[in-house]
Each structure stands twice: as C-alpha cells, then as structure tokens.
Amino acid sequence: MYERESNMLSLISVFAIGALIGAAMALLMAPQSGPETRMMLKDKSTEIKDKAVGTAEETRHRAGQTLDEISSKAKERISSLKDRGEEMIDEGRAHF
C-alpha cells in the first residue's frame, strides 16, 4: 500500500516538474520583456505548485480512506474467524 502511494506521489512529482520546465521554456521563448517573463514564470510556478499540493492532499486523503476500509474489513474478518474457531472448539468439546 505504501509503495503504491509512493509511486503515485513520484508520478505526480514528475508531471509537475515536467509542466514547470515546459511552462518555463514556453515563456522564455515568448517575445516579451524580462520583467514580464519573470512575472509570468512566477505566476505559472505558483499555479502548478498549488495544483500539485492539491493533488497530493487528495491522494493522501484517498489513501487514508482506503487504509481505514482495509482495517475495518480485516477486523471483521478476524472477528468472524475468532467466532468460527470458538464454534469449532465447542463442537469438539461436545463430541468428547
């Protein structure tokens, strides 16, 4: 589970870095003045950072939900197995 979340965050990071590099290259190639280009780079990097943070938070939230579901199902299964084990012990005692 942890490995899957780690892979997802790595993938998101790669896309974010690629988007930043692509945006920077596009802005640097544009026919604008230096201050305008720097302002656009700053705005774009802030926008991309905000999206990456939002995506990371959403991924963390989903991972937490999934972990809670797995934990709940495991507890139910353990309880069921415990009950079944007790039934088998009682049946064994009834035969002796």
Protein backbone atom coordinates (compact mmCIF):
# COMPACT_ATOMS: atom_id res chain seq x y z
CA MET A 1 0.00 0.00 0.00
CA TYR A 2 2.78 2.42 0.97
CA GLU A 3 4.68 1.57 -2.21
CA ARG A 4 1.62 2.33 -4.33
CA GLU A 5 1.14 5.74 -2.65
CA SER A 6 4.84 6.47 -3.04
CA ASN A 7 4.69 5.60 -6.75
CA MET A 8 1.67 7.87 -7.18
CA LEU A 9 3.43 10.79 -5.50
CA SER A 10 6.53 10.18 -7.62
CA LEU A 11 4.42 10.22 -10.77
CA ILE A 12 2.73 13.45 -9.70
CA SER A 13 6.14 14.99 -8.97
CA VAL A 14 7.46 14.03 -12.39
CA PHE A 15 4.45 15.57 -14.13
CA ALA A 16 4.70 18.74 -12.03
CA ILE A 17 8.40 19.15 -12.80
CA GLY A 18 7.78 18.49 -16.49
CA ALA A 19 4.98 21.03 -16.53
CA LEU A 20 7.21 23.62 -14.85
CA ILE A 21 10.01 23.05 -17.32
CA GLY A 22 7.61 23.20 -20.27
CA ALA A 23 5.99 26.38 -19.00
CA ALA A 24 9.37 27.99 -18.36
CA MET A 25 10.60 27.12 -21.85
CA ALA A 26 7.44 28.43 -23.47
CA LEU A 27 7.67 31.68 -21.57
CA LEU A 28 11.37 32.11 -22.26
CA MET A 29 10.75 31.67 -25.98
CA ALA A 30 7.91 34.21 -25.99
CA PRO A 31 8.62 37.71 -27.31
CA GLN A 32 8.25 39.58 -24.01
CA SER A 33 10.40 41.73 -21.80
CA GLY A 34 12.41 40.25 -18.94
CA PRO A 35 10.19 41.54 -16.11
CA GLU A 36 7.03 40.32 -17.88
CA THR A 37 8.56 36.91 -18.45
CA ARG A 38 9.69 36.63 -14.83
CA MET A 39 6.23 37.62 -13.62
CA MET A 40 4.62 35.01 -15.87
CA LEU A 41 7.10 32.36 -14.65
CA LYS A 42 6.33 33.22 -11.04
CA ASP A 43 2.56 33.07 -11.61
CA LYS A 44 2.75 29.81 -13.55
CA SER A 45 5.02 28.13 -11.00
CA THR A 46 2.68 29.17 -8.17
CA GLU A 47 -0.30 27.79 -10.08
CA ILE A 48 1.44 24.48 -10.76
CA LYS A 49 2.62 24.21 -7.15
CA ASP A 50 -0.92 24.78 -5.89
CA LYS A 51 -2.26 22.08 -8.20
CA ALA A 52 0.46 19.64 -7.11
CA VAL A 53 -0.26 20.31 -3.43
CA GLY A 54 -3.99 19.81 -4.02
CA THR A 55 -3.38 16.56 -5.85
CA ALA A 56 -1.02 15.32 -3.14
CA GLU A 57 -3.58 16.15 -0.44
CA GLU A 58 -6.32 14.36 -2.36
CA THR A 59 -4.09 11.31 -2.84
CA ARG A 60 -3.20 11.29 0.87
CA HIS A 61 -6.92 11.54 1.75
CA ARG A 62 -7.84 8.66 -0.56
CA ALA A 63 -5.01 6.55 0.81
CA GLY A 64 -6.26 7.20 4.34
CA GLN A 65 -9.78 6.18 3.37
CA THR A 66 -8.51 3.01 1.73
CA LEU A 67 -6.43 2.16 4.79
CA ASP A 68 -9.47 2.68 7.03
CA GLU A 69 -11.57 0.39 4.81
CA ILE A 70 -8.90 -2.32 4.80
CA SER A 71 -8.51 -2.06 8.57
CA SER A 72 -12.26 -2.34 9.08
CA LYS A 73 -12.55 -5.36 6.79
CA ALA A 74 -9.60 -7.03 8.50
CA LYS A 75 -11.18 -6.52 11.93
CA GLU A 76 -14.45 -8.00 10.67
CA ARG A 77 -12.61 -10.99 9.21
CA ILE A 78 -10.63 -11.55 12.41
CA SER A 79 -13.82 -11.41 14.46
CA SER A 80 -15.51 -13.86 12.11
CA LEU A 81 -12.57 -16.26 12.28
CA LYS A 82 -12.46 -15.99 16.07
CA ASP A 83 -16.18 -16.78 16.30
CA ARG A 84 -15.77 -19.72 13.95
CA GLY A 85 -12.82 -21.02 15.96
CA GLU A 86 -14.83 -20.83 19.17
CA GLU A 87 -17.69 -22.72 17.48
CA MET A 88 -15.29 -25.44 16.38
CA ILE A 89 -13.88 -25.75 19.91
CA ASP A 90 -17.40 -26.02 21.33
CA GLU A 91 -18.30 -28.69 18.76
CA GLY A 92 -15.13 -30.59 19.60
CA ARG A 93 -15.93 -30.50 23.31
CA ALA A 94 -19.48 -31.70 22.61
CA HIS A 95 -18.11 -34.80 20.90
CA PHE A 96 -15.87 -35.76 23.82
